[in-house]
Amino acid sequence: MRVILLGLCVLAVSAACVRSGANVTPRGKAAVAQPTVGLSANIAPEVNAFRLANGQPALAADARLARAAQAHADSMNANGFFSHTGQDGSSVGDRVKREGYGFCFVAQNIAQGQKGALEALEGWQKSEGHRKNLLSKNATQLAMAQSGDYWVMVLGKPGC
C-alpha cells in the first residue's frame, strides 16, 4: 500500500512539473523557467481542436520555438515590459533564429495577466489578429511559454 501511495505522489508531482513548463530548483537557488516543450505539448490539443474546427491542420510542438518563447516571456517578466519587440530590439524572427530555427513563417501572440494557459488561449481566439495567427495556414509548429503572468506563443514553419 505504501508503494502505491508513494508512486501516486511521485506521479502527481511529475504531472505538476510538466503542466507548469518549469523545472524545480534546489532550495536557495533562484527559480528560472527552463525552456521545455511541456507547456507547448499540453496546450497543443486545445490549439489543434480550435484549428481543426476552423478547417486548419494540427500543429506540432517544437523545442526551438519553446526556447524562443520562454526567453521572451522571461525577459518581459524580469524587465517589466509588454511588447512583441524584445528589450534588445529583436523581433520574433530574430529570437527563433537564435535558437537555430530557420523559418519561412513565424508569428507570435503575447498576453499578460491571465491566470492560466487556457485563459490566454481563449483571449487570443477572440482577438482578430491573434486568431489570425492561431489559424494561419502557414503554421506547422507551435510553442507556448509562461513567466510570471506573461504568456508567449510562437507559431512557425521551418525551412522553405
N, C-alpha and C. Protein backbone atom coordinates (compact mmCIF):
# COMPACT_ATOMS: atom_id res chain seq x y z
N MET A 1 0.82 -1.19 0.00
CA MET A 1 0.00 0.00 0.00
C MET A 1 0.87 1.26 0.00
N ARG A 2 1.96 1.25 0.81
CA ARG A 2 2.85 2.40 0.85
C ARG A 2 3.49 2.64 -0.51
N VAL A 3 3.85 1.55 -1.19
CA VAL A 3 4.48 1.66 -2.51
C VAL A 3 3.52 2.31 -3.50
N ILE A 4 2.26 1.94 -3.45
CA ILE A 4 1.26 2.52 -4.34
C ILE A 4 1.07 4.00 -4.04
N LEU A 5 0.97 4.36 -2.76
CA LEU A 5 0.80 5.77 -2.39
C LEU A 5 2.02 6.58 -2.79
N LEU A 6 3.22 6.05 -2.58
CA LEU A 6 4.44 6.75 -2.97
C LEU A 6 4.46 6.95 -4.48
N GLY A 7 4.08 5.92 -5.22
CA GLY A 7 4.03 6.02 -6.68
C GLY A 7 3.06 7.08 -7.14
N LEU A 8 1.90 7.16 -6.50
CA LEU A 8 0.91 8.17 -6.86
C LEU A 8 1.42 9.57 -6.54
N CYS A 9 2.11 9.73 -5.42
CA CYS A 9 2.68 11.03 -5.06
C CYS A 9 3.73 11.46 -6.08
N VAL A 10 4.60 10.56 -6.48
CA VAL A 10 5.63 10.87 -7.49
C VAL A 10 4.96 11.25 -8.80
N LEU A 11 3.94 10.50 -9.20
CA LEU A 11 3.21 10.79 -10.43
C LEU A 11 2.57 12.17 -10.36
N ALA A 12 1.95 12.53 -9.25
CA ALA A 12 1.29 13.83 -9.12
C ALA A 12 2.31 14.97 -9.19
N VAL A 13 3.45 14.82 -8.54
CA VAL A 13 4.49 15.85 -8.59
C VAL A 13 5.03 15.99 -10.00
N SER A 14 5.26 14.87 -10.68
CA SER A 14 5.76 14.92 -12.05
C SER A 14 4.77 15.61 -12.96
N ALA A 15 3.50 15.31 -12.83
CA ALA A 15 2.48 15.92 -13.68
C ALA A 15 2.42 17.42 -13.45
N ALA A 16 2.55 17.86 -12.21
CA ALA A 16 2.53 19.29 -11.92
C ALA A 16 3.70 20.00 -12.58
N CYS A 17 4.87 19.38 -12.60
CA CYS A 17 6.03 19.99 -13.24
C CYS A 17 5.82 20.11 -14.73
N VAL A 18 5.26 19.11 -15.35
CA VAL A 18 5.02 19.15 -16.80
C VAL A 18 4.02 20.24 -17.13
N ARG A 19 2.97 20.36 -16.35
CA ARG A 19 1.96 21.37 -16.61
C ARG A 19 2.52 22.77 -16.52
N SER A 20 3.43 23.02 -15.60
CA SER A 20 3.93 24.37 -15.43
C SER A 20 4.95 24.75 -16.48
N GLY A 21 5.62 23.76 -17.09
CA GLY A 21 6.64 24.06 -18.08
C GLY A 21 7.93 24.56 -17.47
N ALA A 22 8.07 24.47 -16.15
CA ALA A 22 9.29 24.92 -15.49
C ALA A 22 9.85 23.80 -14.64
N ASN A 23 11.16 23.80 -14.47
CA ASN A 23 11.80 22.80 -13.64
C ASN A 23 11.93 23.31 -12.21
N VAL A 24 11.93 22.39 -11.26
CA VAL A 24 12.08 22.74 -9.86
C VAL A 24 13.56 22.99 -9.59
N THR A 25 13.86 24.02 -8.80
CA THR A 25 15.25 24.32 -8.48
C THR A 25 15.50 23.98 -7.02
N PRO A 26 16.76 23.67 -6.67
CA PRO A 26 17.08 23.36 -5.27
C PRO A 26 16.81 24.56 -4.37
N ARG A 27 16.53 24.28 -3.10
CA ARG A 27 16.27 25.33 -2.12
C ARG A 27 17.43 26.32 -2.11
N GLY A 28 17.09 27.61 -2.08
CA GLY A 28 18.10 28.65 -2.03
C GLY A 28 18.54 29.13 -3.40
N LYS A 29 18.15 28.47 -4.46
CA LYS A 29 18.52 28.89 -5.81
C LYS A 29 17.36 29.68 -6.41
N ALA A 30 17.68 30.66 -7.23
CA ALA A 30 16.65 31.43 -7.91
C ALA A 30 15.91 30.53 -8.89
N ALA A 31 14.60 30.63 -8.89
CA ALA A 31 13.80 29.83 -9.82
C ALA A 31 13.80 30.52 -11.18
N VAL A 32 14.35 29.87 -12.17
CA VAL A 32 14.39 30.39 -13.53
C VAL A 32 13.65 29.38 -14.40
N ALA A 33 12.69 29.86 -15.16
CA ALA A 33 11.93 28.95 -16.02
C ALA A 33 12.87 28.32 -17.03
N GLN A 34 12.75 27.02 -17.19
CA GLN A 34 13.57 26.29 -18.14
C GLN A 34 12.77 26.06 -19.42
N PRO A 35 13.40 26.31 -20.57
CA PRO A 35 12.68 26.11 -21.82
C PRO A 35 12.42 24.63 -22.08
N THR A 36 11.18 24.26 -22.04
CA THR A 36 10.79 22.89 -22.30
C THR A 36 9.63 22.90 -23.28
N VAL A 37 9.30 21.75 -23.78
CA VAL A 37 8.16 21.65 -24.67
C VAL A 37 6.92 21.32 -23.85
N GLY A 38 7.04 21.14 -22.53
CA GLY A 38 5.94 20.72 -21.67
C GLY A 38 4.67 21.52 -21.83
N LEU A 39 4.73 22.83 -21.62
CA LEU A 39 3.54 23.66 -21.74
C LEU A 39 3.03 23.63 -23.17
N SER A 40 3.94 23.66 -24.14
CA SER A 40 3.54 23.60 -25.55
C SER A 40 2.78 22.32 -25.85
N ALA A 41 3.30 21.20 -25.37
CA ALA A 41 2.64 19.90 -25.61
C ALA A 41 1.29 19.84 -24.91
N ASN A 42 1.19 20.47 -23.74
CA ASN A 42 -0.07 20.45 -23.00
C ASN A 42 -1.14 21.33 -23.64
N ILE A 43 -0.74 22.43 -24.26
CA ILE A 43 -1.73 23.33 -24.87
C ILE A 43 -2.04 22.92 -26.31
N ALA A 44 -1.16 22.15 -26.94
CA ALA A 44 -1.34 21.77 -28.34
C ALA A 44 -2.71 21.13 -28.63
N PRO A 45 -3.21 20.22 -27.79
CA PRO A 45 -4.54 19.66 -28.10
C PRO A 45 -5.64 20.71 -28.17
N GLU A 46 -5.57 21.72 -27.31
CA GLU A 46 -6.57 22.80 -27.33
C GLU A 46 -6.42 23.65 -28.59
N VAL A 47 -5.19 23.99 -28.93
CA VAL A 47 -4.93 24.77 -30.14
C VAL A 47 -5.38 23.97 -31.36
N ASN A 48 -5.03 22.70 -31.38
CA ASN A 48 -5.36 21.87 -32.54
C ASN A 48 -6.86 21.64 -32.68
N ALA A 49 -7.58 21.51 -31.58
CA ALA A 49 -9.04 21.38 -31.66
C ALA A 49 -9.64 22.65 -32.27
N PHE A 50 -9.12 23.80 -31.87
CA PHE A 50 -9.58 25.08 -32.42
C PHE A 50 -9.26 25.17 -33.91
N ARG A 51 -8.05 24.77 -34.29
CA ARG A 51 -7.66 24.81 -35.70
C ARG A 51 -8.52 23.85 -36.53
N LEU A 52 -8.68 22.62 -36.04
CA LEU A 52 -9.46 21.63 -36.79
C LEU A 52 -10.91 22.08 -36.96
N ALA A 53 -11.48 22.69 -35.93
CA ALA A 53 -12.85 23.19 -36.01
C ALA A 53 -12.99 24.33 -37.02
N ASN A 54 -11.84 24.93 -37.36
CA ASN A 54 -11.83 26.03 -38.32
C ASN A 54 -11.14 25.66 -39.63
N GLY A 55 -11.05 24.35 -39.90
CA GLY A 55 -10.55 23.88 -41.18
C GLY A 55 -9.06 23.92 -41.39
N GLN A 56 -8.28 24.02 -40.31
CA GLN A 56 -6.82 24.05 -40.43
C GLN A 56 -6.21 22.80 -39.80
N PRO A 57 -5.07 22.35 -40.33
CA PRO A 57 -4.44 21.14 -39.79
C PRO A 57 -3.81 21.38 -38.41
N ALA A 58 -3.56 20.29 -37.72
CA ALA A 58 -2.96 20.33 -36.38
C ALA A 58 -1.50 20.80 -36.46
N LEU A 59 -1.01 21.32 -35.35
CA LEU A 59 0.37 21.77 -35.21
C LEU A 59 1.12 20.84 -34.25
N ALA A 60 2.43 20.79 -34.40
CA ALA A 60 3.29 20.01 -33.51
C ALA A 60 4.11 20.97 -32.64
N ALA A 61 4.36 20.59 -31.40
CA ALA A 61 5.20 21.39 -30.51
C ALA A 61 6.66 21.30 -30.97
N ASP A 62 7.40 22.39 -30.81
CA ASP A 62 8.80 22.44 -31.21
C ASP A 62 9.65 23.05 -30.10
N ALA A 63 10.73 22.37 -29.74
CA ALA A 63 11.58 22.80 -28.63
C ALA A 63 12.30 24.12 -28.93
N ARG A 64 12.70 24.35 -30.17
CA ARG A 64 13.39 25.61 -30.51
C ARG A 64 12.45 26.79 -30.37
N LEU A 65 11.22 26.62 -30.82
CA LEU A 65 10.23 27.68 -30.63
C LEU A 65 9.94 27.88 -29.14
N ALA A 66 9.93 26.78 -28.38
CA ALA A 66 9.69 26.87 -26.94
C ALA A 66 10.78 27.67 -26.25
N ARG A 67 12.04 27.46 -26.66
CA ARG A 67 13.14 28.22 -26.06
C ARG A 67 13.01 29.72 -26.37
N ALA A 68 12.65 30.04 -27.62
CA ALA A 68 12.49 31.44 -28.01
C ALA A 68 11.32 32.08 -27.25
N ALA A 69 10.21 31.36 -27.14
CA ALA A 69 9.04 31.87 -26.42
C ALA A 69 9.37 32.08 -24.94
N GLN A 70 10.07 31.11 -24.35
CA GLN A 70 10.41 31.22 -22.93
C GLN A 70 11.35 32.39 -22.67
N ALA A 71 12.33 32.57 -23.54
CA ALA A 71 13.27 33.68 -23.37
C ALA A 71 12.54 35.03 -23.42
N HIS A 72 11.59 35.15 -24.32
CA HIS A 72 10.86 36.43 -24.43
C HIS A 72 9.93 36.63 -23.23
N ALA A 73 9.26 35.57 -22.80
CA ALA A 73 8.40 35.67 -21.61
C ALA A 73 9.23 36.04 -20.39
N ASP A 74 10.38 35.39 -20.22
CA ASP A 74 11.26 35.69 -19.08
C ASP A 74 11.74 37.13 -19.12
N SER A 75 12.10 37.60 -20.31
CA SER A 75 12.59 38.97 -20.45
C SER A 75 11.51 39.99 -20.10
N MET A 76 10.30 39.78 -20.61
CA MET A 76 9.21 40.71 -20.28
C MET A 76 8.93 40.71 -18.78
N ASN A 77 8.91 39.52 -18.19
CA ASN A 77 8.63 39.41 -16.76
C ASN A 77 9.73 40.07 -15.92
N ALA A 78 10.98 39.79 -16.25
CA ALA A 78 12.11 40.32 -15.47
C ALA A 78 12.27 41.83 -15.62
N ASN A 79 11.93 42.35 -16.80
CA ASN A 79 12.17 43.76 -17.08
C ASN A 79 10.91 44.62 -17.07
N GLY A 80 9.75 44.00 -16.80
CA GLY A 80 8.51 44.75 -16.64
C GLY A 80 8.04 45.48 -17.90
N PHE A 81 8.13 44.82 -19.05
CA PHE A 81 7.61 45.42 -20.27
C PHE A 81 6.71 44.42 -20.98
N PHE A 82 5.90 44.92 -21.91
CA PHE A 82 4.97 44.08 -22.64
C PHE A 82 5.01 44.51 -24.10
N SER A 83 5.68 43.72 -24.94
CA SER A 83 5.86 44.10 -26.34
C SER A 83 6.26 42.89 -27.16
N HIS A 84 5.91 42.93 -28.44
CA HIS A 84 6.38 41.90 -29.37
C HIS A 84 7.87 42.10 -29.67
N THR A 85 8.37 43.30 -29.48
CA THR A 85 9.79 43.61 -29.68
C THR A 85 10.54 43.36 -28.38
N GLY A 86 11.67 42.66 -28.47
CA GLY A 86 12.47 42.37 -27.29
C GLY A 86 13.17 43.61 -26.75
N GLN A 87 13.66 43.53 -25.53
CA GLN A 87 14.41 44.62 -24.90
C GLN A 87 15.61 45.02 -25.75
N ASP A 88 16.16 44.07 -26.49
CA ASP A 88 17.32 44.31 -27.34
C ASP A 88 16.94 44.73 -28.76
N GLY A 89 15.66 45.00 -28.99
CA GLY A 89 15.19 45.40 -30.30
C GLY A 89 14.88 44.23 -31.23
N SER A 90 14.96 43.02 -30.71
CA SER A 90 14.76 41.82 -31.54
C SER A 90 13.29 41.60 -31.88
N SER A 91 13.09 41.00 -33.05
CA SER A 91 11.76 40.56 -33.47
C SER A 91 11.62 39.09 -33.11
N VAL A 92 10.42 38.55 -33.25
CA VAL A 92 10.23 37.12 -33.01
C VAL A 92 11.10 36.32 -33.97
N GLY A 93 11.25 36.79 -35.19
CA GLY A 93 12.11 36.10 -36.16
C GLY A 93 13.56 36.05 -35.70
N ASP A 94 14.05 37.15 -35.15
CA ASP A 94 15.42 37.18 -34.62
C ASP A 94 15.58 36.17 -33.49
N ARG A 95 14.57 36.10 -32.61
CA ARG A 95 14.67 35.23 -31.44
C ARG A 95 14.61 33.75 -31.82
N VAL A 96 13.80 33.38 -32.79
CA VAL A 96 13.76 31.97 -33.18
C VAL A 96 15.02 31.57 -33.94
N LYS A 97 15.58 32.51 -34.73
CA LYS A 97 16.85 32.22 -35.42
C LYS A 97 17.97 31.95 -34.41
N ARG A 98 17.98 32.71 -33.31
CA ARG A 98 18.99 32.48 -32.25
C ARG A 98 18.92 31.05 -31.71
N GLU A 99 17.74 30.48 -31.76
CA GLU A 99 17.55 29.11 -31.25
C GLU A 99 17.75 28.05 -32.34
N GLY A 100 18.22 28.48 -33.52
CA GLY A 100 18.51 27.54 -34.58
C GLY A 100 17.31 27.16 -35.43
N TYR A 101 16.26 27.98 -35.39
CA TYR A 101 15.04 27.69 -36.14
C TYR A 101 15.03 28.55 -37.40
N GLY A 102 15.39 27.93 -38.53
CA GLY A 102 15.26 28.59 -39.82
C GLY A 102 13.82 28.47 -40.25
N PHE A 103 13.21 29.56 -40.71
CA PHE A 103 11.78 29.53 -40.95
C PHE A 103 11.40 30.21 -42.26
N CYS A 104 10.23 29.83 -42.74
CA CYS A 104 9.61 30.57 -43.83
C CYS A 104 8.34 31.26 -43.33
N PHE A 105 7.92 30.93 -42.11
CA PHE A 105 6.79 31.61 -41.47
C PHE A 105 7.02 31.60 -39.97
N VAL A 106 6.76 32.74 -39.34
CA VAL A 106 6.79 32.81 -37.88
C VAL A 106 5.82 33.92 -37.44
N ALA A 107 5.13 33.67 -36.34
CA ALA A 107 4.20 34.64 -35.76
C ALA A 107 4.23 34.47 -34.25
N GLN A 108 3.80 35.51 -33.54
CA GLN A 108 3.85 35.47 -32.08
C GLN A 108 2.59 36.10 -31.50
N ASN A 109 2.06 35.47 -30.46
CA ASN A 109 0.99 36.04 -29.65
C ASN A 109 1.54 36.24 -28.25
N ILE A 110 1.23 37.37 -27.64
CA ILE A 110 1.63 37.61 -26.25
C ILE A 110 0.41 38.01 -25.45
N ALA A 111 0.46 37.74 -24.16
CA ALA A 111 -0.63 38.11 -23.26
C ALA A 111 -0.05 38.35 -21.87
N GLN A 112 -0.79 39.10 -21.07
CA GLN A 112 -0.36 39.35 -19.69
C GLN A 112 -1.59 39.39 -18.79
N GLY A 113 -1.45 38.76 -17.63
CA GLY A 113 -2.47 38.85 -16.60
C GLY A 113 -3.42 37.67 -16.51
N GLN A 114 -3.40 36.79 -17.49
CA GLN A 114 -4.29 35.63 -17.45
C GLN A 114 -3.83 34.66 -16.37
N LYS A 115 -4.77 33.94 -15.81
CA LYS A 115 -4.47 33.02 -14.71
C LYS A 115 -3.99 31.66 -15.17
N GLY A 116 -4.11 31.36 -16.45
CA GLY A 116 -3.66 30.07 -16.96
C GLY A 116 -3.53 30.09 -18.46
N ALA A 117 -2.92 29.04 -18.99
CA ALA A 117 -2.68 28.94 -20.43
C ALA A 117 -3.99 28.94 -21.21
N LEU A 118 -5.00 28.23 -20.70
CA LEU A 118 -6.28 28.19 -21.41
C LEU A 118 -6.94 29.56 -21.47
N GLU A 119 -6.82 30.32 -20.41
CA GLU A 119 -7.38 31.67 -20.39
C GLU A 119 -6.67 32.56 -21.42
N ALA A 120 -5.36 32.43 -21.51
CA ALA A 120 -4.60 33.19 -22.52
C ALA A 120 -5.05 32.77 -23.92
N LEU A 121 -5.15 31.47 -24.16
CA LEU A 121 -5.56 30.96 -25.46
C LEU A 121 -6.96 31.46 -25.83
N GLU A 122 -7.89 31.42 -24.88
CA GLU A 122 -9.25 31.89 -25.14
C GLU A 122 -9.26 33.37 -25.51
N GLY A 123 -8.43 34.16 -24.87
CA GLY A 123 -8.32 35.58 -25.22
C GLY A 123 -7.81 35.76 -26.64
N TRP A 124 -6.81 34.99 -27.02
CA TRP A 124 -6.28 35.09 -28.38
C TRP A 124 -7.31 34.65 -29.41
N GLN A 125 -8.11 33.66 -29.08
CA GLN A 125 -9.13 33.18 -30.01
C GLN A 125 -10.17 34.27 -30.30
N LYS A 126 -10.38 35.17 -29.36
CA LYS A 126 -11.39 36.22 -29.51
C LYS A 126 -10.84 37.51 -30.10
N SER A 127 -9.54 37.59 -30.30
CA SER A 127 -8.88 38.78 -30.82
C SER A 127 -8.54 38.56 -32.29
N GLU A 128 -8.95 39.46 -33.16
CA GLU A 128 -8.81 39.25 -34.61
C GLU A 128 -7.38 38.93 -35.04
N GLY A 129 -6.42 39.72 -34.63
CA GLY A 129 -5.03 39.49 -35.04
C GLY A 129 -4.44 38.21 -34.48
N HIS A 130 -4.72 37.95 -33.20
CA HIS A 130 -4.21 36.73 -32.58
C HIS A 130 -4.87 35.49 -33.17
N ARG A 131 -6.16 35.60 -33.44
CA ARG A 131 -6.91 34.50 -34.05
C ARG A 131 -6.33 34.17 -35.43
N LYS A 132 -5.98 35.22 -36.17
CA LYS A 132 -5.37 35.03 -37.50
C LYS A 132 -4.08 34.22 -37.37
N ASN A 133 -3.26 34.55 -36.38
CA ASN A 133 -2.03 33.78 -36.15
C ASN A 133 -2.34 32.33 -35.81
N LEU A 134 -3.28 32.11 -34.89
CA LEU A 134 -3.64 30.75 -34.48
C LEU A 134 -4.13 29.91 -35.65
N LEU A 135 -4.82 30.53 -36.59
CA LEU A 135 -5.42 29.80 -37.70
C LEU A 135 -4.62 29.91 -38.99
N SER A 136 -3.40 30.43 -38.92
CA SER A 136 -2.61 30.59 -40.13
C SER A 136 -2.40 29.26 -40.85
N LYS A 137 -2.66 29.26 -42.14
CA LYS A 137 -2.43 28.05 -42.95
C LYS A 137 -0.94 27.78 -43.11
N ASN A 138 -0.11 28.78 -42.83
CA ASN A 138 1.34 28.63 -42.97
C ASN A 138 2.00 27.95 -41.78
N ALA A 139 1.36 27.98 -40.63
CA ALA A 139 1.95 27.42 -39.40
C ALA A 139 1.89 25.89 -39.42
N THR A 140 2.98 25.26 -38.98
CA THR A 140 3.02 23.80 -38.81
C THR A 140 3.49 23.42 -37.41
N GLN A 141 4.05 24.38 -36.68
CA GLN A 141 4.58 24.10 -35.34
C GLN A 141 4.22 25.23 -34.39
N LEU A 142 4.28 24.93 -33.10
CA LEU A 142 3.94 25.93 -32.10
C LEU A 142 4.75 25.72 -30.83
N ALA A 143 4.74 26.75 -30.01
CA ALA A 143 5.29 26.67 -28.65
C ALA A 143 4.55 27.69 -27.80
N MET A 144 4.45 27.41 -26.52
CA MET A 144 3.85 28.36 -25.59
C MET A 144 4.70 28.36 -24.33
N ALA A 145 4.89 29.55 -23.78
CA ALA A 145 5.71 29.70 -22.57
C ALA A 145 5.04 30.67 -21.62
N GLN A 146 5.40 30.54 -20.35
CA GLN A 146 4.89 31.41 -19.29
C GLN A 146 6.03 31.84 -18.41
N SER A 147 5.98 33.10 -17.98
CA SER A 147 6.89 33.60 -16.95
C SER A 147 6.09 34.61 -16.15
N GLY A 148 5.89 34.34 -14.86
CA GLY A 148 5.01 35.19 -14.05
C GLY A 148 3.63 35.17 -14.66
N ASP A 149 3.09 36.36 -14.93
CA ASP A 149 1.77 36.41 -15.57
C ASP A 149 1.87 36.80 -17.05
N TYR A 150 3.03 36.55 -17.64
CA TYR A 150 3.25 36.78 -19.07
C TYR A 150 3.15 35.45 -19.83
N TRP A 151 2.51 35.51 -20.99
CA TRP A 151 2.31 34.33 -21.85
C TRP A 151 2.79 34.64 -23.24
N VAL A 152 3.54 33.73 -23.84
CA VAL A 152 4.03 33.90 -25.21
C VAL A 152 3.75 32.63 -25.99
N MET A 153 3.16 32.78 -27.17
CA MET A 153 3.00 31.67 -28.10
C MET A 153 3.72 32.04 -29.38
N VAL A 154 4.52 31.11 -29.89
CA VAL A 154 5.19 31.29 -31.17
C VAL A 154 4.71 30.18 -32.10
N LEU A 155 4.32 30.58 -33.29
CA LEU A 155 3.90 29.64 -34.32
C LEU A 155 4.88 29.76 -35.48
N GLY A 156 5.22 28.66 -36.11
CA GLY A 156 6.17 28.73 -37.20
C GLY A 156 6.07 27.59 -38.19
N LYS A 157 6.82 27.75 -39.25
CA LYS A 157 7.01 26.70 -40.24
C LYS A 157 8.49 26.72 -40.58
N PRO A 158 9.18 25.61 -40.34
CA PRO A 158 10.62 25.59 -40.58
C PRO A 158 10.95 25.48 -42.07
N GLY A 159 12.18 25.88 -42.38
CA GLY A 159 12.70 25.66 -43.72
C GLY A 159 12.20 26.62 -44.76
N CYS A 160 11.81 26.07 -45.88
CA CYS A 160 11.37 26.77 -47.09
C CYS A 160 12.51 27.40 -47.78
